[in-house]
Amino acid sequence: MMFMVGIERPKSDTEAWGLIVPVFETLGYGCIAASDTEHKVLYHAKQAILTMAEEVLTDGHLLTSLNGDFQSYRDEFPEYDDWIALEVDVERLKRVQKRINITLSEPLLARVDAYVGFHKEFKDRSDFLAKAADQFMSEQKK
């Protein structure tokens, strides 16, 4: 799915690159992000879009309702210097579980299983690994 992303260039070395994806506002959501460096702008824009699209799905909305038809937002958001159309594969966010194959060493697998056994907030090994991966990626955004 294509999303129009506004990019606000920093005015000084102490400011970040600002990002906005206005199409989410049609459903009452805000989608903004920031990037410390220019070369990570697209990465942070995609991460923000995926996070908000997941929230939209969780709240019961259809992703097709986000189709903005490459609408121009320049008049509504004049502080954003550049606008790009960014393709993000949001279809993969639908709530269907997908089985994957991974390889872990036996000692690591034993530690994971022991941890999950004592921490009942995790349903199973897969739940733990999914939450651990999500937490790691969230921390890497900072």
Protein backbone atom coordinates (compact mmCIF):
# COMPACT_ATOMS: atom_id res chain seq x y z
CA MET A 1 0.00 0.00 0.00
CA MET A 2 1.28 3.48 -0.83
CA PHE A 3 1.40 6.23 1.80
CA MET A 4 2.17 9.93 1.37
CA VAL A 5 4.86 10.92 3.88
CA GLY A 6 5.74 14.50 4.72
CA ILE A 7 9.36 15.20 5.63
CA GLU A 8 10.35 18.23 7.66
CA ARG A 9 14.03 19.06 7.37
CA PRO A 10 15.78 20.07 10.60
CA LYS A 11 16.43 23.80 11.00
CA SER A 12 19.57 23.21 13.09
CA ASP A 13 21.99 20.47 14.13
CA THR A 14 20.06 19.98 17.38
CA GLU A 15 16.78 19.10 15.65
CA ALA A 16 15.61 15.84 14.13
CA TRP A 17 13.99 15.13 10.79
CA GLY A 18 10.20 15.26 11.26
CA LEU A 19 7.83 12.81 9.57
CA ILE A 20 4.06 12.76 9.17
CA VAL A 21 1.63 10.36 7.48
CA PRO A 22 -1.65 12.32 7.34
CA VAL A 23 -3.89 9.59 5.90
CA PHE A 24 -4.25 8.08 9.38
CA GLU A 25 -6.06 11.24 10.50
CA THR A 26 -9.10 10.19 8.44
CA LEU A 27 -9.66 7.50 11.08
CA GLY A 28 -8.83 9.74 14.04
CA TYR A 29 -5.20 8.64 14.47
CA GLY A 30 -2.01 10.64 14.32
CA CYS A 31 1.07 9.22 12.67
CA ILE A 32 4.24 11.20 13.26
CA ALA A 33 7.84 10.18 13.77
CA ALA A 34 11.33 11.59 13.87
CA SER A 35 14.72 10.54 12.63
CA ASP A 36 18.10 11.77 13.84
CA THR A 37 19.71 11.19 10.45
CA GLU A 38 18.59 11.66 6.86
CA HIS A 39 19.58 8.15 5.82
CA LYS A 40 17.16 6.61 8.38
CA VAL A 41 14.15 8.78 7.44
CA LEU A 42 12.53 6.11 5.25
CA TYR A 43 13.18 3.39 7.83
CA HIS A 44 11.52 5.42 10.60
CA ALA A 45 8.62 6.35 8.30
CA LYS A 46 7.99 2.68 7.50
CA GLN A 47 8.19 1.73 11.18
CA ALA A 48 5.67 4.45 12.10
CA ILE A 49 3.31 3.35 9.32
CA LEU A 50 3.51 -0.31 10.35
CA THR A 51 2.90 0.58 14.01
CA MET A 52 -0.14 2.71 13.20
CA ALA A 53 -1.52 0.23 10.66
CA GLU A 54 -1.32 -2.47 13.32
CA GLU A 55 -3.23 -0.20 15.71
CA VAL A 56 -5.86 0.46 13.03
CA LEU A 57 -6.33 -3.28 12.52
CA THR A 58 -6.45 -3.97 16.25
CA ASP A 59 -9.22 -1.38 16.61
CA GLY A 60 -11.25 -3.14 13.92
CA HIS A 61 -10.74 -0.79 10.98
CA LEU A 62 -10.02 -1.97 7.45
CA LEU A 63 -6.68 -1.05 5.91
CA THR A 64 -8.47 -0.20 2.67
CA SER A 65 -9.97 2.81 4.47
CA LEU A 66 -6.45 4.31 4.45
CA ASN A 67 -6.32 4.59 0.67
CA GLY A 68 -5.39 8.26 0.22
CA ASP A 69 -5.03 8.13 -3.57
CA PHE A 70 -1.76 10.09 -3.43
CA GLN A 71 -3.55 13.15 -2.16
CA SER A 72 -1.47 16.30 -1.82
CA TYR A 73 -1.13 17.48 1.77
CA ARG A 74 1.14 20.48 1.08
CA ASP A 75 -1.56 23.05 1.83
CA GLU A 76 -2.61 21.38 5.09
CA PHE A 77 0.96 20.81 6.31
CA PRO A 78 3.15 23.60 4.90
CA GLU A 79 5.89 23.01 7.49
CA TYR A 80 6.82 19.75 5.75
CA ASP A 81 9.38 20.49 3.04
CA ASP A 82 9.17 17.31 0.97
CA TRP A 83 6.47 14.73 0.22
CA ILE A 84 7.13 11.21 -0.97
CA ALA A 85 4.96 8.24 -1.81
CA LEU A 86 6.26 5.33 0.24
CA GLU A 87 5.21 1.73 -0.35
CA VAL A 88 4.77 -0.32 2.81
CA ASP A 89 3.58 -3.94 2.88
CA VAL A 90 0.84 -3.61 5.51
CA GLU A 91 -1.03 -6.70 4.33
CA ARG A 92 1.37 -8.82 6.34
CA LEU A 93 0.00 -7.27 9.54
CA LYS A 94 -3.30 -9.07 9.36
CA ARG A 95 -3.84 -11.16 12.45
CA VAL A 96 -3.03 -14.52 10.88
CA GLN A 97 -0.31 -16.44 12.67
CA LYS A 98 2.44 -17.75 10.44
CA ARG A 99 4.64 -20.69 11.31
CA ILE A 100 8.36 -20.18 10.78
CA ASN A 101 11.44 -22.33 11.23
CA ILE A 102 14.30 -21.00 13.34
CA THR A 103 17.48 -22.55 14.62
CA LEU A 104 18.65 -22.05 18.21
CA SER A 105 21.40 -23.79 20.10
CA GLU A 106 20.18 -26.37 22.61
CA PRO A 107 21.51 -24.41 25.62
CA LEU A 108 19.72 -21.23 24.46
CA LEU A 109 16.50 -23.13 23.79
CA ALA A 110 16.68 -24.68 27.27
CA ARG A 111 17.15 -21.19 28.81
CA VAL A 112 14.19 -19.83 26.83
CA ASP A 113 11.97 -22.71 27.89
CA ALA A 114 13.00 -22.35 31.53
CA TYR A 115 12.33 -18.61 31.42
CA VAL A 116 8.89 -19.11 29.86
CA GLY A 117 8.13 -21.81 32.43
CA PHE A 118 8.63 -19.36 35.31
CA HIS A 119 7.10 -16.29 33.67
CA LYS A 120 3.42 -16.96 33.14
CA GLU A 121 2.89 -13.68 31.24
CA PHE A 122 4.05 -15.63 28.17
CA LYS A 123 1.65 -18.15 26.66
CA ASP A 124 4.44 -20.25 25.20
CA ARG A 125 7.88 -20.15 23.61
CA SER A 126 6.56 -18.49 20.44
CA ASP A 127 4.82 -15.76 22.42
CA PHE A 128 8.06 -15.06 24.31
CA LEU A 129 10.18 -14.92 21.15
CA ALA A 130 7.69 -12.64 19.40
CA LYS A 131 7.53 -10.23 22.36
CA ALA A 132 11.30 -10.29 22.80
CA ALA A 133 11.85 -9.47 19.12
CA ASP A 134 9.27 -6.66 19.26
CA GLN A 135 10.88 -5.19 22.39
CA PHE A 136 14.37 -5.36 20.86
CA MET A 137 13.22 -3.58 17.70
CA SER A 138 11.37 -0.93 19.75
CA GLU A 139 14.50 -0.21 21.75
CA GLN A 140 16.58 0.09 18.57
CA LYS A 141 14.38 2.99 17.35
CA LYS A 142 15.68 5.22 20.14
